[in-house]
Amino acid sequence: MKAAPTILHLDMDAFFAAVEQAAKPSLRGKPVIVGGLGGRGVVSTASYEARKFGVHSAMPMAQARRLCPNAAYLVPRFSAYHRVSKQVMALLGELSPLVEPLSSDEAFVDLEAGGSASDARTAREVGERLRADIRRVTGLTGSVGLAGSKMLAKVASEMAKPDGLVVVLPGTERELLGPMTVRTLPGIGPATAEALRRAGITTVDHIVEAGEDELVRLLGDSHGHGVYAMSMGRDDRPVVAEREAKSVSVEDTFDTDLTDRLRVRLEVARLADRCVERLRKAGRSGRTVVLKVRRYDFSTLTRSETLRGPTDDPVVVKEAAERLLEGVDTTAGVRLLGVGVSGLADFTQEDLFAQFAAEEQPAEPAAEPEPERAVAEEPAPEPVRRWLPGLDVHHPEYGPGWVQGSGVGRVTVRFERPDSPPGRIRTFAADDPELTLGEPLPLVPD
């Protein structure tokens, strides 16, 4: 732990929803909910206006609609969030070489390692300057916590929300943590919290009172010692600049249960392709293929197969996923499928056995060319455009806008920019050729 509060934790406020409000002037000050809009979609982020109605992340979207029926419900625009995230992370990189991103909108920074701060006063100055820079560059707000450890810095940033800064001074850790619930401490999830509750332990003060030996008895040796140390405010985890990914995976939840076996196989093949695409973008390969199946009754099965060497070959991953599927009964219905690759490496090892087998196959004689025939080729049908709420669009006459809603062959668009007043609404035919998908605009003009 640091002797001064020079570990900084930044957490952007309601990040996805805040980006949408900044991009869409007509939504500022109004409840905005971002997430999957299907029957089984879940809330990714809710604006603070929506949280007043009880909406929170990971809530089923159907429940959110009941609680806050008049909110704007939007699909995520990950390209827009990624652009803002890069701007924020660049600002953190100016403070220290030790920046540990936890997600697109959250990170730890070791200010002492970057020479940015050495005591409480300079740390607070850096934190306030960072918040001002984030607002200037992105137009958004972030909450900052400063402490001598990662755990306490994260607790402090949560206390600072929204748009604030909290510094935990050395010597005040126990007083701060005492009345908080046990779930405040890292490593205590629902199951551990329930085990502690049954023992009458619901706050951090209760953990301290129970003592380390009792924690070890309840939670086991390693976990018990760790939880007790955290309850005393001790956390020696360093800020790590590179967080090594342990796996790459993709998954989809379906609006209706899949019962057709062929459809399930096709979805697994599609997920395998997406997984390999993500794997290659990361410049990695892996040797263990994992299949995840959540059935109609919410029971979840996970199956894995370890290959002879790491690969990023989509055919190899797809075939392994399909073999794993053969051992899973899906006749009663599937609500979620996922394909992942673990055991990551920075290289691939060719499947030599398959390569030799291919080389030993006798060459097939070349087929005689068939005579050319004049065939009138029919033009490929135009793909059906899905105008999902929140997507960026562009019209040659009205300029940039976003989809407010669609249905019955029509699409409603509000034309506005981040730096404009709330814009006007216009309705078009869903197949209007002049209406096209657009690109996210910068939240703050250059």
Protein backbone atom coordinates (compact mmCIF):
# COMPACT_ATOMS: atom_id res chain seq x y z
CA MET A 1 0.00 0.00 0.00
CA LYS A 2 1.03 3.57 -0.67
CA ALA A 3 1.83 5.89 2.23
CA ALA A 4 -0.08 8.65 0.39
CA PRO A 5 -3.38 8.54 -1.58
CA THR A 6 -1.68 8.29 -4.97
CA ILE A 7 -3.68 5.38 -6.43
CA LEU A 8 -6.40 6.93 -8.61
CA HIS A 9 -9.56 5.15 -9.72
CA LEU A 10 -11.61 6.74 -12.49
CA ASP A 11 -15.15 5.62 -13.25
CA MET A 12 -17.04 7.47 -15.98
CA ASP A 13 -20.60 8.35 -14.95
CA ALA A 14 -23.33 6.22 -16.61
CA PHE A 15 -20.94 5.96 -19.55
CA PHE A 16 -23.01 4.52 -22.43
CA ALA A 17 -26.10 6.55 -21.52
CA ALA A 18 -24.00 9.69 -21.01
CA VAL A 19 -22.47 9.32 -24.49
CA GLU A 20 -25.97 9.00 -25.95
CA GLN A 21 -27.19 12.12 -24.14
CA ALA A 22 -24.14 14.08 -25.26
CA ALA A 23 -24.66 12.94 -28.87
CA LYS A 24 -28.43 13.58 -28.86
CA PRO A 25 -29.39 17.03 -27.49
CA SER A 26 -33.09 16.08 -27.30
CA LEU A 27 -32.27 13.41 -24.66
CA ARG A 28 -30.33 15.60 -22.24
CA GLY A 29 -31.91 15.63 -18.80
CA LYS A 30 -34.25 12.77 -19.74
CA PRO A 31 -34.17 9.06 -18.81
CA VAL A 32 -32.07 7.04 -21.26
CA ILE A 33 -31.63 3.27 -21.14
CA VAL A 34 -29.09 1.44 -23.32
CA GLY A 35 -29.12 -2.33 -23.87
CA GLY A 36 -30.66 -5.23 -25.76
CA LEU A 37 -34.14 -4.31 -26.92
CA GLY A 38 -35.41 -7.84 -27.59
CA GLY A 39 -37.73 -9.78 -25.33
CA ARG A 40 -34.78 -11.13 -23.38
CA GLY A 41 -32.57 -8.06 -23.55
CA VAL A 42 -30.94 -6.65 -20.44
CA VAL A 43 -30.01 -3.11 -19.43
CA SER A 44 -26.39 -2.25 -20.11
CA THR A 45 -26.46 1.30 -18.70
CA ALA A 46 -29.18 3.57 -17.35
CA SER A 47 -28.83 7.34 -17.06
CA TYR A 48 -29.18 8.90 -13.61
CA GLU A 49 -32.62 10.17 -14.63
CA ALA A 50 -33.68 6.56 -15.28
CA ARG A 51 -32.11 5.29 -12.06
CA LYS A 52 -34.55 7.43 -10.07
CA PHE A 53 -37.25 5.00 -11.29
CA GLY A 54 -35.30 1.98 -10.01
CA VAL A 55 -33.69 0.97 -13.31
CA HIS A 56 -30.14 -0.40 -13.08
CA SER A 57 -27.64 -2.32 -15.18
CA ALA A 58 -28.19 -6.08 -15.71
CA MET A 59 -31.94 -5.63 -15.11
CA PRO A 60 -34.20 -7.39 -17.66
CA MET A 61 -35.28 -4.83 -20.24
CA ALA A 62 -38.93 -5.84 -19.83
CA GLN A 63 -38.77 -4.89 -16.15
CA ALA A 64 -37.06 -1.59 -17.00
CA ARG A 65 -39.91 -0.74 -19.41
CA ARG A 66 -42.45 -1.34 -16.66
CA LEU A 67 -40.57 0.87 -14.22
CA CYS A 68 -39.76 3.67 -16.67
CA PRO A 69 -42.06 3.42 -19.71
CA ASN A 70 -41.29 6.92 -21.00
CA ALA A 71 -37.51 6.53 -21.23
CA ALA A 72 -35.59 6.49 -24.49
CA TYR A 73 -34.58 2.87 -25.15
CA LEU A 74 -31.52 2.64 -27.40
CA VAL A 75 -29.27 -0.08 -28.80
CA PRO A 76 -25.55 0.24 -27.92
CA ARG A 77 -23.26 2.09 -30.37
CA PHE A 78 -19.93 0.53 -29.47
CA SER A 79 -17.92 2.46 -32.06
CA ALA A 80 -18.99 5.73 -30.41
CA TYR A 81 -18.12 4.45 -26.93
CA HIS A 82 -14.76 3.14 -28.12
CA ARG A 83 -13.83 6.55 -29.55
CA VAL A 84 -14.57 8.31 -26.26
CA SER A 85 -12.82 5.58 -24.27
CA LYS A 86 -9.63 6.10 -26.28
CA GLN A 87 -9.74 9.82 -25.50
CA VAL A 88 -10.15 9.15 -21.77
CA MET A 89 -7.41 6.50 -21.65
CA ALA A 90 -5.05 8.87 -23.47
CA LEU A 91 -5.58 11.44 -20.72
CA LEU A 92 -4.80 8.81 -18.07
CA GLY A 93 -1.66 7.81 -19.97
CA GLU A 94 -0.37 11.38 -19.61
CA LEU A 95 -0.44 10.97 -15.82
CA SER A 96 1.51 7.73 -15.48
CA PRO A 97 2.87 4.75 -17.42
CA LEU A 98 0.99 2.52 -14.96
CA VAL A 99 -2.63 2.61 -16.16
CA GLU A 100 -4.74 -0.51 -15.57
CA PRO A 101 -7.97 -0.39 -17.61
CA LEU A 102 -10.79 -2.47 -16.14
CA SER A 103 -13.27 -1.70 -18.92
CA SER A 104 -13.92 0.97 -21.52
CA ASP A 105 -14.95 3.47 -18.82
CA GLU A 106 -12.96 2.49 -15.73
CA ALA A 107 -9.26 2.34 -14.82
CA PHE A 108 -6.66 2.52 -12.04
CA VAL A 109 -3.66 4.85 -12.26
CA ASP A 110 -0.52 4.84 -10.10
CA LEU A 111 0.21 8.58 -9.89
CA GLU A 112 3.40 8.13 -7.89
CA ALA A 113 4.91 5.91 -10.61
CA GLY A 114 4.35 8.71 -13.11
CA GLY A 115 5.70 11.43 -10.85
CA SER A 116 2.30 13.17 -10.98
CA ALA A 117 1.65 13.21 -7.23
CA SER A 118 3.43 12.35 -4.00
CA ASP A 119 0.99 13.44 -1.26
CA ALA A 120 -2.71 14.09 -0.64
CA ARG A 121 -2.59 17.69 -1.83
CA THR A 122 -0.91 17.03 -5.16
CA ALA A 123 -3.05 13.91 -5.70
CA ARG A 124 -6.25 15.94 -5.25
CA GLU A 125 -4.96 18.57 -7.67
CA VAL A 126 -4.24 15.90 -10.28
CA GLY A 127 -7.69 14.37 -9.78
CA GLU A 128 -9.47 17.69 -10.20
CA ARG A 129 -7.42 18.52 -13.27
CA LEU A 130 -8.23 15.13 -14.78
CA ARG A 131 -11.96 15.64 -14.28
CA ALA A 132 -11.74 19.06 -15.95
CA ASP A 133 -9.74 17.62 -18.87
CA ILE A 134 -12.26 14.82 -19.39
CA ARG A 135 -15.11 17.34 -19.52
CA ARG A 136 -13.15 19.55 -21.94
CA VAL A 137 -12.16 16.73 -24.31
CA THR A 138 -15.29 14.56 -24.22
CA GLY A 139 -18.04 16.71 -22.74
CA LEU A 140 -18.69 13.94 -20.18
CA THR A 141 -18.14 13.59 -16.43
CA GLY A 142 -16.16 11.06 -14.44
CA SER A 143 -15.88 10.28 -10.74
CA VAL A 144 -12.45 9.98 -9.14
CA GLY A 145 -11.34 8.15 -6.00
CA LEU A 146 -7.87 8.55 -4.49
CA ALA A 147 -6.38 6.30 -1.81
CA GLY A 148 -3.30 4.32 -0.87
CA SER A 149 -4.68 1.09 -2.39
CA LYS A 150 -6.78 -0.07 -5.33
CA MET A 151 -9.64 -1.31 -3.16
CA LEU A 152 -10.02 1.96 -1.28
CA ALA A 153 -9.62 4.06 -4.43
CA LYS A 154 -12.52 2.16 -6.02
CA VAL A 155 -14.64 2.57 -2.87
CA ALA A 156 -13.84 6.29 -2.95
CA SER A 157 -14.87 6.74 -6.60
CA GLU A 158 -18.18 5.01 -5.86
CA MET A 159 -18.73 7.45 -3.00
CA ALA A 160 -17.89 10.34 -5.34
CA LYS A 161 -20.61 9.52 -7.90
CA PRO A 162 -21.78 11.29 -9.84
CA ASP A 163 -19.19 13.81 -11.02
CA GLY A 164 -17.19 14.09 -7.81
CA LEU A 165 -13.85 13.37 -6.15
CA VAL A 166 -13.17 11.65 -2.81
CA VAL A 167 -9.76 11.27 -1.14
CA VAL A 168 -9.21 8.59 1.52
CA LEU A 169 -6.47 9.86 3.83
CA PRO A 170 -4.04 7.39 5.45
CA GLY A 171 -5.30 6.27 8.86
CA THR A 172 -9.01 6.73 8.04
CA GLU A 173 -9.48 3.42 6.18
CA ARG A 174 -11.08 1.44 9.04
CA GLU A 175 -13.47 4.24 9.94
CA LEU A 176 -14.56 4.53 6.33
CA LEU A 177 -15.08 0.81 5.68
CA GLY A 178 -16.65 -0.18 9.01
CA PRO A 179 -20.35 0.54 8.36
CA MET A 180 -20.26 -0.65 4.74
CA THR A 181 -21.77 -3.97 3.67
CA VAL A 182 -19.52 -7.00 3.18
CA ARG A 183 -20.19 -6.82 -0.58
CA THR A 184 -18.03 -3.68 -0.64
CA LEU A 185 -14.90 -5.84 -0.35
CA PRO A 186 -13.37 -7.40 -3.48
CA GLY A 187 -13.90 -11.14 -3.72
CA ILE A 188 -17.20 -11.22 -1.82
CA GLY A 189 -19.95 -12.21 -4.20
CA PRO A 190 -23.52 -13.31 -3.49
CA ALA A 191 -22.55 -16.81 -2.31
CA THR A 192 -19.85 -15.61 0.10
CA ALA A 193 -22.11 -12.81 1.36
CA GLU A 194 -24.85 -15.34 2.09
CA ALA A 195 -22.42 -17.60 3.99
CA LEU A 196 -21.36 -14.61 6.10
CA ARG A 197 -24.96 -13.49 6.64
CA ARG A 198 -25.86 -16.90 8.04
CA ALA A 199 -23.07 -16.33 10.57
CA GLY A 200 -24.49 -12.92 11.48
CA ILE A 201 -21.83 -10.99 9.51
CA THR A 202 -23.28 -8.29 7.27
CA THR A 203 -20.91 -5.31 7.59
CA VAL A 204 -17.17 -4.82 7.43
CA ASP A 205 -17.19 -4.02 11.15
CA HIS A 206 -18.75 -7.44 11.78
CA ILE A 207 -15.86 -9.09 9.89
CA VAL A 208 -13.31 -7.32 12.07
CA GLU A 209 -15.21 -8.28 15.21
CA ALA A 210 -15.43 -11.93 14.15
CA GLY A 211 -11.66 -12.11 13.78
CA GLU A 212 -9.34 -13.72 11.27
CA ASP A 213 -9.62 -17.26 12.64
CA GLU A 214 -13.41 -17.22 12.28
CA LEU A 215 -13.13 -15.92 8.71
CA VAL A 216 -10.74 -18.77 7.87
CA ARG A 217 -13.16 -21.27 9.39
CA LEU A 218 -16.09 -19.89 7.39
CA LEU A 219 -14.40 -19.22 4.05
CA GLY A 220 -11.29 -21.39 3.98
CA ASP A 221 -7.65 -20.54 4.45
CA SER A 222 -6.76 -18.37 1.45
CA HIS A 223 -10.10 -16.61 1.05
CA GLY A 224 -10.54 -16.04 4.78
CA HIS A 225 -7.12 -14.40 5.20
CA GLY A 226 -7.70 -12.23 2.12
CA VAL A 227 -11.15 -11.01 3.18
CA TYR A 228 -9.94 -10.19 6.69
CA ALA A 229 -6.98 -8.19 5.34
CA MET A 230 -9.33 -6.21 3.09
CA SER A 231 -11.66 -5.53 6.02
CA MET A 232 -8.71 -3.94 7.84
CA GLY A 233 -8.08 -1.72 4.82
CA ARG A 234 -5.00 -3.66 3.69
CA ASP A 235 -4.64 -4.20 -0.06
CA ASP A 236 -1.18 -4.73 -1.57
CA ARG A 237 -2.28 -5.33 -5.18
CA PRO A 238 -0.20 -3.20 -7.55
CA VAL A 239 -1.50 -1.28 -10.54
CA VAL A 240 -0.64 -3.45 -13.54
CA ALA A 241 -0.31 -1.73 -16.90
CA GLU A 242 -1.02 -4.83 -19.01
CA ARG A 243 -3.93 -7.03 -18.02
CA GLU A 244 -3.43 -10.41 -19.67
CA ALA A 245 -6.63 -11.74 -21.21
CA LYS A 246 -7.31 -15.34 -20.20
CA SER A 247 -9.90 -16.10 -22.87
CA VAL A 248 -11.81 -14.70 -25.83
CA SER A 249 -15.49 -15.49 -26.20
CA VAL A 250 -18.77 -14.38 -27.77
CA GLU A 251 -22.33 -15.31 -26.91
CA ASP A 252 -25.89 -14.52 -27.98
CA THR A 253 -29.22 -14.63 -26.16
CA PHE A 254 -32.19 -15.44 -28.40
CA ASP A 255 -35.61 -13.78 -28.27
CA THR A 256 -37.30 -17.19 -28.49
CA ASP A 257 -35.93 -20.59 -27.48
CA LEU A 258 -34.17 -22.46 -30.28
CA THR A 259 -35.50 -26.01 -30.64
CA ASP A 260 -34.48 -26.80 -34.22
CA ARG A 261 -31.17 -28.71 -34.08
CA LEU A 262 -29.99 -27.39 -37.45
CA ARG A 263 -30.59 -23.80 -36.35
CA VAL A 264 -28.60 -24.44 -33.17
CA ARG A 265 -25.68 -25.84 -35.21
CA LEU A 266 -25.75 -22.86 -37.56
CA GLU A 267 -25.69 -20.45 -34.61
CA VAL A 268 -22.72 -22.29 -33.06
CA ALA A 269 -20.85 -22.09 -36.38
CA ARG A 270 -21.59 -18.36 -36.64
CA LEU A 271 -20.42 -17.75 -33.07
CA ALA A 272 -17.23 -19.71 -33.73
CA ASP A 273 -16.45 -17.44 -36.70
CA ARG A 274 -17.04 -14.32 -34.59
CA CYS A 275 -14.88 -15.70 -31.81
CA VAL A 276 -11.96 -16.35 -34.16
CA GLU A 277 -12.37 -12.89 -35.68
CA ARG A 278 -12.03 -11.37 -32.21
CA LEU A 279 -9.13 -13.70 -31.43
CA ARG A 280 -7.22 -12.59 -34.53
CA LYS A 281 -7.86 -8.91 -33.85
CA ALA A 282 -6.15 -9.44 -30.51
CA GLY A 283 -3.21 -11.13 -32.26
CA ARG A 284 -3.73 -14.29 -30.22
CA SER A 285 -4.41 -18.00 -30.62
CA GLY A 286 -5.73 -20.59 -28.18
CA ARG A 287 -5.71 -24.29 -27.52
CA THR A 288 -9.00 -24.89 -25.65
CA VAL A 289 -12.40 -24.40 -27.30
CA VAL A 290 -15.34 -23.84 -24.94
CA LEU A 291 -19.05 -24.20 -25.71
CA LYS A 292 -21.67 -22.62 -23.44
CA VAL A 293 -25.35 -23.61 -23.63
CA ARG A 294 -28.09 -22.10 -21.48
CA ARG A 295 -31.28 -24.09 -21.77
CA TYR A 296 -34.95 -23.13 -21.51
CA ASP A 297 -34.96 -23.68 -17.72
CA PHE A 298 -31.89 -21.40 -17.23
CA SER A 299 -29.62 -24.38 -16.50
CA THR A 300 -26.21 -23.69 -18.05
CA LEU A 301 -23.84 -26.31 -19.45
CA THR A 302 -20.21 -25.72 -20.35
CA ARG A 303 -18.19 -28.14 -22.45
CA SER A 304 -14.55 -27.81 -23.55
CA GLU A 305 -12.05 -29.54 -25.78
CA THR A 306 -8.29 -28.99 -25.66
CA LEU A 307 -6.48 -29.15 -29.01
CA ARG A 308 -2.96 -30.40 -29.65
CA GLY A 309 -1.68 -26.86 -30.01
CA PRO A 310 -2.88 -23.25 -30.11
CA THR A 311 -4.77 -22.21 -33.24
CA ASP A 312 -6.61 -19.29 -34.79
CA ASP A 313 -8.03 -21.38 -37.64
CA PRO A 314 -11.81 -20.80 -37.92
CA VAL A 315 -12.36 -24.28 -39.35
CA VAL A 316 -10.60 -25.94 -36.42
CA VAL A 317 -12.49 -23.90 -33.83
CA LYS A 318 -15.81 -24.45 -35.60
CA GLU A 319 -15.34 -28.21 -35.86
CA ALA A 320 -14.37 -28.44 -32.18
CA ALA A 321 -17.44 -26.42 -31.15
CA GLU A 322 -19.69 -28.65 -33.26
CA ARG A 323 -18.19 -31.78 -31.69
CA LEU A 324 -18.91 -30.36 -28.25
CA LEU A 325 -22.49 -29.60 -29.29
CA GLU A 326 -23.03 -33.25 -30.21
CA GLY A 327 -22.84 -34.14 -26.52
CA VAL A 328 -25.49 -31.61 -25.43
CA ASP A 329 -29.25 -32.25 -25.53
CA THR A 330 -30.97 -29.16 -26.94
CA THR A 331 -34.38 -30.62 -27.81
CA ALA A 332 -36.23 -28.80 -24.99
CA GLY A 333 -35.00 -25.39 -26.13
CA VAL A 334 -31.91 -23.16 -25.98
CA ARG A 335 -32.01 -19.52 -24.87
CA LEU A 336 -28.26 -18.70 -25.03
CA LEU A 337 -25.24 -20.03 -26.90
CA GLY A 338 -21.61 -19.05 -26.53
CA VAL A 339 -18.28 -20.08 -28.05
CA GLY A 340 -14.94 -19.20 -26.51
CA VAL A 341 -11.23 -19.97 -26.75
CA SER A 342 -8.93 -20.13 -23.73
CA GLY A 343 -5.32 -21.15 -23.12
CA LEU A 344 -4.22 -18.16 -25.15
CA ALA A 345 -0.84 -17.83 -26.84
CA ASP A 346 0.89 -15.37 -29.17
CA PHE A 347 1.55 -17.98 -31.86
CA THR A 348 -0.19 -20.78 -33.70
CA GLN A 349 0.90 -24.37 -34.03
CA GLU A 350 -0.21 -25.96 -37.25
CA ASP A 351 -2.07 -29.23 -36.97
CA LEU A 352 0.68 -31.32 -38.57
CA PHE A 353 -1.37 -34.49 -38.58
CA ALA A 354 -4.12 -32.84 -40.59
CA GLN A 355 -1.51 -31.25 -42.86
CA PHE A 356 0.19 -34.58 -43.59
CA ALA A 357 -3.15 -36.27 -44.18
CA ALA A 358 -4.05 -33.62 -46.73
CA GLU A 359 -0.67 -33.97 -48.50
CA GLU A 360 -1.01 -37.76 -48.75
CA GLN A 361 -4.43 -37.64 -50.42
CA PRO A 362 -4.15 -38.56 -54.11
CA ALA A 363 -4.78 -35.66 -56.39
CA GLU A 364 -8.18 -35.80 -58.06
CA PRO A 365 -8.20 -35.59 -61.84
CA ALA A 366 -9.20 -32.23 -63.18
CA ALA A 367 -12.81 -32.13 -64.26
CA GLU A 368 -13.59 -31.50 -67.89
CA PRO A 369 -14.75 -27.93 -68.33
CA GLU A 370 -18.43 -27.67 -69.09
CA PRO A 371 -19.47 -25.70 -72.14
CA GLU A 372 -20.32 -22.12 -71.39
CA ARG A 373 -23.99 -21.29 -71.26
CA ALA A 374 -25.54 -17.88 -71.40
CA VAL A 375 -27.35 -17.58 -68.08
CA ALA A 376 -29.23 -14.47 -67.12
CA GLU A 377 -28.13 -13.75 -63.55
CA GLU A 378 -30.76 -12.35 -61.26
CA PRO A 379 -29.59 -9.45 -59.13
CA ALA A 380 -29.03 -10.36 -55.49
CA PRO A 381 -31.85 -9.13 -53.27
CA GLU A 382 -31.15 -6.05 -51.22
CA PRO A 383 -30.56 -6.87 -47.55
CA VAL A 384 -33.41 -5.83 -45.28
CA ARG A 385 -32.33 -2.82 -43.23
CA ARG A 386 -33.15 -2.86 -39.54
CA TRP A 387 -33.62 0.65 -38.22
CA LEU A 388 -32.92 0.11 -34.53
CA PRO A 389 -33.52 2.96 -32.05
CA GLY A 390 -30.39 5.01 -31.45
CA LEU A 391 -28.49 4.14 -34.64
CA ASP A 392 -26.76 6.95 -36.53
CA VAL A 393 -28.22 7.79 -39.94
CA HIS A 394 -27.61 10.35 -42.67
CA HIS A 395 -29.84 12.00 -45.23
CA PRO A 396 -28.47 14.11 -48.11
CA GLU A 397 -31.00 16.91 -47.47
CA TYR A 398 -31.38 16.86 -43.68
CA GLY A 399 -27.89 15.74 -42.68
CA PRO A 400 -26.98 13.55 -39.67
CA GLY A 401 -29.58 12.17 -37.28
CA TRP A 402 -30.57 9.10 -35.29
CA VAL A 403 -33.35 6.55 -35.40
CA GLN A 404 -36.09 7.30 -32.89
CA GLY A 405 -38.32 4.38 -33.85
CA SER A 406 -39.50 2.18 -36.70
CA GLY A 407 -42.28 -0.19 -37.67
CA VAL A 408 -44.96 -0.91 -40.29
CA GLY A 409 -42.56 -0.03 -43.08
CA ARG A 410 -41.72 3.41 -41.67
CA VAL A 411 -38.77 4.85 -39.77
CA THR A 412 -38.79 8.00 -37.63
CA VAL A 413 -35.57 10.01 -37.46
CA ARG A 414 -34.59 12.99 -35.33
CA PHE A 415 -32.05 15.18 -37.14
CA GLU A 416 -29.61 16.81 -34.72
CA ARG A 417 -25.92 16.99 -33.90
CA PRO A 418 -24.06 17.01 -30.56
CA ASP A 419 -23.51 20.78 -30.93
CA SER A 420 -27.01 21.66 -32.20
CA PRO A 421 -30.30 22.44 -30.42
CA PRO A 422 -32.81 19.55 -30.19
CA GLY A 423 -33.67 18.66 -33.77
CA ARG A 424 -36.83 18.06 -35.77
CA ILE A 425 -38.43 14.66 -36.34
CA ARG A 426 -39.17 13.34 -39.82
CA THR A 427 -40.63 10.03 -41.00
CA PHE A 428 -39.50 8.05 -44.06
CA ALA A 429 -40.30 4.80 -45.76
CA ALA A 430 -38.07 2.08 -44.32
CA ASP A 431 -36.65 1.40 -47.80
CA ASP A 432 -36.02 5.05 -48.69
CA PRO A 433 -32.73 4.88 -50.65
CA GLU A 434 -31.67 8.36 -49.48
CA LEU A 435 -31.64 7.32 -45.82
CA THR A 436 -28.41 5.51 -44.96
CA LEU A 437 -26.56 4.42 -41.86
CA GLY A 438 -24.17 7.10 -40.62
CA GLU A 439 -21.04 7.38 -38.50
CA PRO A 440 -20.93 8.65 -34.90
CA LEU A 441 -20.03 12.33 -34.69
CA PRO A 442 -17.45 13.68 -32.21
CA LEU A 443 -19.13 14.76 -28.98
CA VAL A 444 -16.93 17.86 -28.81
CA PRO A 445 -16.16 19.54 -32.16
CA ASP A 446 -12.46 19.78 -32.98
